[in-house]
Amino acid sequence: MKPTQKPANPCFSSGPCAKRPGWSPAALADAALGRSHRAKIGKQKLKEVIDRSKAILGIPADYKLGIVPASDTGAVEMALWSMLGARGVDVLAWEAFGKTWAGDCKKQLKIADLNVYDAPYGQLPDLAQADWSRDVVFTYNGTTSGVRVPDLHWIPAEREGLAICDATSAVFAMDVDFSKLDVVTWSWQKVLGGEGAHGMIALSPRAVARLESYKPTWPLPKIFQMTKDGKLIDGIFVGETINTPSMLAVEDALDALKWAESIGGLPSLVARSEANLKTLHDWVDATPWVDFLCADAATRSCTSICFTITDDWYAGLSDEAKTKALKDFTALLDKEEVAYDIGAYRDAPAGLRIWGGATVERADISALLPWLDWAWGEVKATAKAAA
């Protein structure tokens, strides 16, 4: 039967993600609109985002944290273009963005000494292949595959190369050990449920040393430049951003950080995401037509949770019919206003992706599940009747 209870918030997109519980535009009332980001109030708010983020995430005191242009993508590209080329590079890739960084290393930066260790969607490559005499680039959590590294024990504390990690759908939902990483990037639009266009980059002392001792052979656009005359531009890491930020988005990030603090900080954020994954795990166990794309529970994401369709009827369809069935399914959920934007990423295997990050209420996940079963039944029955 058609369910009657709908999720209070039907936003399950994997980016931009659901706003924090209780959010309304009133949370932005104190935004420094119409003011220069270089004015005292602008710099104070930007530095406050940095300071609160460092405190919640437990970033080591000697690490630098800055706000940079172009979301997480901009932060990753800034690191790759500024630091790579000093030594050989290994890239570990198992989803769309990791494959993008591998492609950039090969086709844009043209790194001659490059190894790419990849794996299909739903799996991890052998992490032991990483050679830590070299720079190693990887995603912490595959936003498009639903696969995360289980921990960072595979990264030695003593390493010659840099550990460069795209962690955008991991930070604030997973307990990331920053001491094992030299460059960590993310954006506000993921686990914080913030607005797009702004990235963050954390640098270890080893990463700073690389920036100050190495000059790439290729030219660097202004928005990638973190040094001047061979010295780190410290202003970037105290709120003096390279280009003009949206002070409305900054206020929204501050609101999300204050909410995170109010519920108990990182442990509570992690617990909320893991509880959402557990709810979906229990549903999958009891549901015959769907399974996780990631078969290994130890590496299954608690944020970008990806599913594959296992229904025998679906398996017998042509590729075109499969595509139509999934489009009809997500369109029906959208029409009923119970789930927005839960189709798989465009380059990933066909299926579903439900965001389970910390801003998503477990009660909303629970309310969604009967609708998924109902909608799949409706699509299946309609398709069979038309056949």
Protein backbone atom coordinates (compact mmCIF):
# COMPACT_ATOMS: atom_id res chain seq x y z
CA MET A 1 0.00 0.00 0.00
CA LYS A 2 1.05 3.58 -0.57
CA PRO A 3 2.71 4.94 2.58
CA THR A 4 1.20 7.92 4.36
CA GLN A 5 4.12 9.28 6.40
CA LYS A 6 6.63 11.31 4.42
CA PRO A 7 10.16 12.36 5.42
CA ALA A 8 10.10 15.79 7.03
CA ASN A 9 13.03 16.66 4.75
CA PRO A 10 13.09 14.84 1.39
CA CYS A 11 16.56 16.16 0.46
CA PHE A 12 18.89 13.16 0.04
CA SER A 13 21.21 14.64 -2.59
CA SER A 14 24.93 13.90 -2.35
CA GLY A 15 25.81 17.52 -2.93
CA PRO A 16 24.71 20.10 -2.19
CA CYS A 17 23.39 18.12 0.76
CA ALA A 18 20.54 18.57 3.21
CA LYS A 19 20.68 21.62 5.47
CA ARG A 20 21.13 20.98 9.17
CA PRO A 21 17.95 20.12 11.12
CA GLY A 22 15.90 23.19 11.95
CA TRP A 23 17.64 25.41 9.39
CA SER A 24 15.82 28.43 7.96
CA PRO A 25 16.98 31.57 6.16
CA ALA A 26 16.78 33.34 9.52
CA ALA A 27 20.08 31.60 10.36
CA LEU A 28 21.78 33.98 7.90
CA ALA A 29 20.51 37.19 9.47
CA ASP A 30 23.97 38.21 10.72
CA ALA A 31 25.71 37.76 7.35
CA ALA A 32 28.11 40.57 6.51
CA LEU A 33 26.34 41.42 3.27
CA GLY A 34 27.44 44.41 1.26
CA ARG A 35 30.73 44.46 3.16
CA SER A 36 34.22 43.75 1.89
CA HIS A 37 35.54 40.34 2.84
CA ARG A 38 38.74 42.22 3.68
CA ALA A 39 36.99 44.47 6.16
CA LYS A 40 37.46 43.62 9.83
CA ILE A 41 34.08 41.88 10.10
CA GLY A 42 34.67 39.88 6.92
CA LYS A 43 38.08 38.62 7.99
CA GLN A 44 36.75 37.81 11.46
CA LYS A 45 33.99 35.62 10.06
CA LEU A 46 36.31 33.85 7.62
CA LYS A 47 38.82 33.16 10.40
CA GLU A 48 36.00 31.94 12.63
CA VAL A 49 35.08 29.31 10.03
CA ILE A 50 38.73 28.19 10.01
CA ASP A 51 39.09 28.13 13.80
CA ARG A 52 35.81 26.31 14.47
CA SER A 53 36.56 23.76 11.74
CA LYS A 54 40.01 23.03 13.17
CA ALA A 55 38.59 22.60 16.65
CA ILE A 56 35.71 20.28 15.67
CA LEU A 57 37.88 18.13 13.41
CA GLY A 58 40.83 17.91 15.80
CA ILE A 59 43.27 19.19 13.20
CA PRO A 60 46.81 19.35 14.65
CA ALA A 61 47.83 22.79 15.86
CA ASP A 62 50.78 22.99 13.47
CA TYR A 63 48.61 22.39 10.39
CA LYS A 64 47.43 25.29 8.25
CA LEU A 65 43.76 25.51 7.20
CA GLY A 66 42.47 27.89 4.58
CA ILE A 67 39.37 28.74 2.55
CA VAL A 68 39.97 28.54 -1.20
CA PRO A 69 38.01 29.02 -4.44
CA ALA A 70 36.00 26.52 -6.47
CA SER A 71 34.76 24.07 -3.87
CA ASP A 72 36.59 20.80 -3.15
CA THR A 73 37.55 20.49 -6.81
CA GLY A 74 39.41 23.78 -6.63
CA ALA A 75 41.15 22.74 -3.42
CA VAL A 76 42.32 19.43 -4.91
CA GLU A 77 43.50 21.05 -8.13
CA MET A 78 45.35 23.70 -6.11
CA ALA A 79 47.27 20.96 -4.30
CA LEU A 80 48.02 18.93 -7.44
CA TRP A 81 49.19 21.88 -9.51
CA SER A 82 51.23 23.43 -6.69
CA MET A 83 52.97 20.37 -5.22
CA LEU A 84 53.23 17.52 -7.73
CA GLY A 85 56.25 16.95 -9.93
CA ALA A 86 58.88 16.99 -7.19
CA ARG A 87 58.90 13.17 -7.09
CA GLY A 88 56.99 10.24 -8.55
CA VAL A 89 53.23 10.07 -8.04
CA ASP A 90 50.88 7.19 -7.21
CA VAL A 91 47.14 7.73 -7.61
CA LEU A 92 44.60 5.37 -6.03
CA ALA A 93 41.27 5.63 -7.84
CA TRP A 94 38.00 3.77 -7.44
CA GLU A 95 35.34 6.26 -8.50
CA ALA A 96 34.73 9.28 -10.71
CA PHE A 97 36.70 11.92 -8.82
CA GLY A 98 39.73 9.73 -8.13
CA LYS A 99 39.79 8.90 -11.83
CA THR A 100 39.60 12.64 -12.57
CA TRP A 101 42.67 13.34 -10.42
CA ALA A 102 44.50 10.49 -12.16
CA GLY A 103 43.53 11.97 -15.52
CA ASP A 104 44.74 15.41 -14.51
CA CYS A 105 48.10 14.00 -13.42
CA LYS A 106 48.50 12.22 -16.73
CA LYS A 107 46.96 14.56 -19.29
CA GLN A 108 47.23 18.05 -17.77
CA LEU A 109 50.32 17.98 -15.55
CA LYS A 110 51.89 15.23 -17.67
CA ILE A 111 53.63 13.63 -14.69
CA ALA A 112 56.20 11.32 -16.30
CA ASP A 113 56.69 9.05 -13.28
CA LEU A 114 53.04 8.17 -12.60
CA ASN A 115 51.37 5.00 -11.37
CA VAL A 116 47.58 4.70 -11.31
CA TYR A 117 46.08 1.89 -9.22
CA ASP A 118 42.37 1.72 -9.88
CA ALA A 119 39.45 -0.52 -9.05
CA PRO A 120 35.88 -0.87 -10.34
CA TYR A 121 33.01 1.01 -8.73
CA GLY A 122 32.11 -0.72 -5.46
CA GLN A 123 35.64 -1.89 -4.67
CA LEU A 124 38.93 -0.53 -3.35
CA PRO A 125 42.28 -1.07 -5.06
CA ASP A 126 45.01 -2.78 -3.02
CA LEU A 127 46.09 0.06 -0.76
CA ALA A 128 49.41 -1.68 -0.08
CA GLN A 129 50.45 -0.78 -3.62
CA ALA A 130 51.05 2.81 -2.55
CA ASP A 131 54.76 3.61 -2.43
CA TRP A 132 55.41 6.20 0.26
CA SER A 133 58.73 7.26 -1.19
CA ARG A 134 56.40 8.92 -3.71
CA ASP A 135 53.49 11.35 -3.45
CA VAL A 136 50.18 9.50 -3.10
CA VAL A 137 46.83 10.96 -4.17
CA PHE A 138 43.50 9.37 -3.18
CA THR A 139 39.92 10.04 -2.13
CA TYR A 140 39.02 9.14 1.45
CA ASN A 141 35.43 8.39 0.55
CA GLY A 142 34.28 7.70 -2.99
CA THR A 143 31.29 10.02 -3.29
CA THR A 144 30.19 8.37 -6.53
CA SER A 145 30.85 4.75 -5.50
CA GLY A 146 29.90 4.52 -1.83
CA VAL A 147 33.33 3.09 -0.93
CA ARG A 148 35.65 4.52 1.73
CA VAL A 149 39.05 3.58 3.06
CA PRO A 150 38.49 1.60 6.29
CA ASP A 151 41.17 3.57 8.17
CA LEU A 152 44.55 5.22 7.60
CA HIS A 153 46.74 2.57 9.21
CA TRP A 154 48.18 1.78 5.76
CA ILE A 155 49.87 5.18 5.69
CA PRO A 156 53.20 5.22 7.58
CA ALA A 157 53.88 8.04 10.01
CA GLU A 158 57.39 8.29 8.56
CA ARG A 159 57.05 8.83 4.82
CA GLU A 160 59.07 10.61 2.19
CA GLY A 161 56.20 11.54 -0.10
CA LEU A 162 53.06 13.53 0.62
CA ALA A 163 49.65 12.00 1.36
CA ILE A 164 47.20 14.13 -0.64
CA CYS A 165 43.60 13.29 0.23
CA ASP A 166 40.32 14.46 -1.27
CA ALA A 167 38.11 14.00 1.80
CA THR A 168 35.11 16.09 0.89
CA SER A 169 32.41 13.51 1.72
CA ALA A 170 34.33 12.16 4.73
CA VAL A 171 35.22 15.09 7.01
CA PHE A 172 32.56 15.80 9.66
CA ALA A 173 31.12 12.28 9.18
CA MET A 174 34.16 10.05 9.64
CA ASP A 175 36.98 10.16 12.18
CA VAL A 176 39.79 11.31 9.89
CA ASP A 177 43.30 11.09 11.38
CA PHE A 178 44.82 14.26 9.99
CA SER A 179 48.28 13.32 11.29
CA LYS A 180 48.45 10.63 8.58
CA LEU A 181 47.65 13.15 5.84
CA ASP A 182 49.61 16.07 4.44
CA VAL A 183 46.94 17.70 2.28
CA VAL A 184 43.24 17.32 3.06
CA THR A 185 40.50 19.00 1.05
CA TRP A 186 36.74 19.37 1.39
CA SER A 187 33.83 21.72 0.78
CA TRP A 188 31.01 23.09 2.92
CA GLN A 189 28.34 21.63 0.63
CA LYS A 190 28.81 18.02 1.77
CA VAL A 191 28.52 16.93 5.42
CA LEU A 192 27.91 20.45 6.72
CA GLY A 193 25.02 20.92 4.29
CA GLY A 194 26.48 24.29 3.31
CA GLU A 195 26.40 26.18 0.05
CA GLY A 196 28.70 25.54 -2.92
CA ALA A 197 31.66 27.37 -4.46
CA HIS A 198 34.02 27.35 -1.47
CA GLY A 199 36.68 24.76 -0.67
CA MET A 200 38.95 24.17 2.30
CA ILE A 201 42.51 22.92 2.31
CA ALA A 202 44.50 21.67 5.30
CA LEU A 203 48.30 21.49 5.03
CA SER A 204 50.75 19.63 7.25
CA PRO A 205 54.16 21.16 7.99
CA ARG A 206 55.57 18.74 5.38
CA ALA A 207 53.16 20.11 2.78
CA VAL A 208 54.16 23.67 3.65
CA ALA A 209 57.82 22.70 3.31
CA ARG A 210 57.09 21.30 -0.17
CA LEU A 211 55.37 24.52 -1.20
CA GLU A 212 58.28 26.64 0.01
CA SER A 213 61.04 24.47 -1.49
CA TYR A 214 59.58 23.40 -4.84
CA LYS A 215 58.50 25.38 -7.88
CA PRO A 216 56.53 23.50 -10.56
CA THR A 217 57.71 23.69 -14.15
CA TRP A 218 54.23 24.77 -15.29
CA PRO A 219 52.63 28.18 -14.71
CA LEU A 220 50.17 28.52 -11.83
CA PRO A 221 46.94 30.55 -12.10
CA LYS A 222 46.53 33.14 -9.38
CA ILE A 223 43.81 31.15 -7.60
CA PHE A 224 46.27 28.23 -7.15
CA GLN A 225 49.15 30.29 -5.76
CA MET A 226 49.83 29.66 -2.07
CA THR A 227 53.35 31.10 -1.93
CA LYS A 228 55.05 34.38 -2.76
CA ASP A 229 58.80 34.71 -3.14
CA GLY A 230 59.22 31.17 -1.87
CA LYS A 231 57.23 31.68 1.35
CA LEU A 232 53.73 30.54 2.28
CA ILE A 233 51.11 33.29 2.02
CA ASP A 234 50.00 33.05 5.64
CA GLY A 235 47.04 35.35 5.10
CA ILE A 236 45.19 32.61 3.20
CA PHE A 237 45.11 30.59 6.41
CA VAL A 238 43.77 33.31 8.69
CA GLY A 239 40.84 34.44 6.56
CA GLU A 240 42.42 36.50 3.79
CA THR A 241 41.04 34.51 0.88
CA ILE A 242 42.59 34.52 -2.59
CA ASN A 243 39.40 35.65 -4.30
CA THR A 244 36.11 37.11 -3.12
CA PRO A 245 34.01 34.68 -1.07
CA SER A 246 30.26 34.79 -0.60
CA MET A 247 29.69 36.19 2.86
CA LEU A 248 26.21 34.64 2.75
CA ALA A 249 27.79 31.20 2.27
CA VAL A 250 30.31 31.98 5.01
CA GLU A 251 27.48 32.76 7.43
CA ASP A 252 25.79 29.52 6.46
CA ALA A 253 28.99 27.59 7.16
CA LEU A 254 29.27 29.24 10.55
CA ASP A 255 25.68 28.26 11.34
CA ALA A 256 26.40 24.63 10.46
CA LEU A 257 29.59 24.60 12.55
CA LYS A 258 27.76 26.03 15.56
CA TRP A 259 25.06 23.38 15.14
CA ALA A 260 27.75 20.69 15.05
CA GLU A 261 29.20 22.02 18.29
CA SER A 262 25.77 22.16 19.90
CA ILE A 263 25.09 18.45 19.34
CA GLY A 264 28.44 17.25 20.68
CA GLY A 265 30.97 17.86 17.94
CA LEU A 266 32.66 15.24 15.79
CA PRO A 267 31.64 12.14 17.81
CA SER A 268 27.97 13.05 17.42
CA LEU A 269 28.36 13.86 13.73
CA VAL A 270 30.00 10.49 13.10
CA ALA A 271 27.35 8.68 15.15
CA ARG A 272 24.52 10.31 13.19
CA SER A 273 26.01 9.23 9.85
CA GLU A 274 26.72 5.70 11.03
CA ALA A 275 23.15 5.41 12.37
CA ASN A 276 21.81 6.38 8.95
CA LEU A 277 23.95 3.69 7.33
CA LYS A 278 22.74 1.12 9.89
CA THR A 279 19.11 1.97 9.09
CA LEU A 280 19.74 1.43 5.39
CA HIS A 281 21.71 -1.74 6.11
CA ASP A 282 18.76 -3.23 7.97
CA TRP A 283 16.45 -2.30 5.10
CA VAL A 284 18.72 -3.91 2.50
CA ASP A 285 18.86 -7.09 4.58
CA ALA A 286 15.06 -7.31 4.40
CA THR A 287 14.62 -6.15 0.80
CA PRO A 288 14.98 -8.55 -2.14
CA TRP A 289 15.21 -6.03 -4.98
CA VAL A 290 18.21 -3.95 -3.87
CA ASP A 291 21.74 -4.35 -2.49
CA PHE A 292 24.74 -2.17 -1.69
CA LEU A 293 27.07 -1.39 -4.57
CA CYS A 294 29.92 -1.87 -2.09
CA ALA A 295 29.85 -5.51 -1.02
CA ASP A 296 32.44 -5.13 1.77
CA ALA A 297 30.78 -3.72 4.89
CA ALA A 298 34.19 -2.61 6.24
CA THR A 299 34.65 -0.17 3.35
CA ARG A 300 31.03 0.92 2.90
CA SER A 301 30.43 4.67 3.04
CA CYS A 302 28.16 6.16 5.70
CA THR A 303 27.58 9.32 3.65
CA SER A 304 27.28 8.62 -0.10
CA ILE A 305 25.46 5.30 0.23
CA CYS A 306 25.15 3.61 -3.17
CA PHE A 307 22.84 0.78 -4.23
CA THR A 308 22.48 -1.58 -7.14
CA ILE A 309 19.21 -3.15 -8.29
CA THR A 310 19.05 -6.94 -7.87
CA ASP A 311 15.45 -7.59 -8.93
CA ASP A 312 15.27 -10.53 -11.37
CA TRP A 313 12.69 -8.66 -13.45
CA TYR A 314 15.04 -5.68 -13.77
CA ALA A 315 17.99 -7.91 -14.66
CA GLY A 316 16.06 -9.23 -17.66
CA LEU A 317 15.46 -5.78 -19.15
CA SER A 318 17.41 -4.18 -21.97
CA ASP A 319 19.80 -1.36 -21.02
CA GLU A 320 17.32 1.16 -22.41
CA ALA A 321 14.48 -0.31 -20.37
CA LYS A 322 16.63 -0.35 -17.24
CA THR A 323 17.41 3.33 -17.68
CA LYS A 324 13.72 4.12 -18.12
CA ALA A 325 12.75 2.09 -15.04
CA LEU A 326 15.21 3.97 -12.84
CA LYS A 327 14.17 7.34 -14.26
CA ASP A 328 10.51 6.51 -13.67
CA PHE A 329 11.34 5.37 -10.15
CA THR A 330 13.20 8.54 -9.12
CA ALA A 331 10.63 10.73 -10.91
CA LEU A 332 7.80 9.12 -8.94
CA LEU A 333 9.59 9.74 -5.64
CA ASP A 334 10.23 13.33 -6.68
CA LYS A 335 6.58 13.81 -7.64
CA GLU A 336 5.47 12.47 -4.26
CA GLU A 337 7.95 14.86 -2.59
CA VAL A 338 9.57 12.10 -0.56
CA ALA A 339 13.06 11.87 -2.12
CA TYR A 340 14.95 14.30 -4.33
CA ASP A 341 18.10 13.56 -6.35
CA ILE A 342 18.78 9.94 -5.41
CA GLY A 343 19.79 8.58 -8.80
CA ALA A 344 23.32 7.19 -9.14
CA TYR A 345 26.08 9.53 -10.31
CA ARG A 346 26.12 9.86 -14.09
CA ASP A 347 29.41 7.92 -14.57
CA ALA A 348 28.66 5.29 -11.93
CA PRO A 349 26.81 1.99 -12.47
CA ALA A 350 23.04 2.43 -12.74
CA GLY A 351 21.36 2.43 -9.36
CA LEU A 352 20.55 4.67 -6.40
CA ARG A 353 22.55 6.94 -4.10
CA ILE A 354 21.16 8.17 -0.79
CA TRP A 355 23.09 10.71 1.26
CA GLY A 356 23.42 9.69 4.89
CA GLY A 357 25.62 12.50 6.19
CA ALA A 358 25.24 14.12 9.59
CA THR A 359 22.62 16.70 8.60
CA VAL A 360 20.19 13.95 7.57
CA GLU A 361 17.81 12.83 10.31
CA ARG A 362 17.57 9.08 10.90
CA ALA A 363 13.79 9.47 11.18
CA ASP A 364 13.73 10.81 7.61
CA ILE A 365 15.70 7.80 6.35
CA SER A 366 13.24 5.51 8.15
CA ALA A 367 10.25 7.33 6.67
CA LEU A 368 11.76 7.10 3.19
CA LEU A 369 12.18 3.33 3.10
CA PRO A 370 8.50 2.30 2.70
CA TRP A 371 8.25 4.80 -0.14
CA LEU A 372 11.19 3.17 -1.92
CA ASP A 373 9.51 -0.24 -1.73
CA TRP A 374 6.16 1.19 -2.85
CA ALA A 375 7.63 3.18 -5.75
CA TRP A 376 9.62 0.20 -7.03
CA GLY A 377 6.48 -1.91 -6.95
CA GLU A 378 4.56 0.77 -8.86
CA VAL A 379 7.23 1.11 -11.56
CA LYS A 380 7.51 -2.64 -11.93
CA ALA A 381 3.76 -3.17 -12.16
CA THR A 382 3.34 -0.36 -14.69
CA ALA A 383 6.16 -1.67 -16.87
CA LYS A 384 4.81 -5.21 -16.81
CA ALA A 385 1.30 -4.02 -17.71
CA ALA A 386 2.69 -2.08 -20.68
CA ALA A 387 4.79 -4.98 -21.96
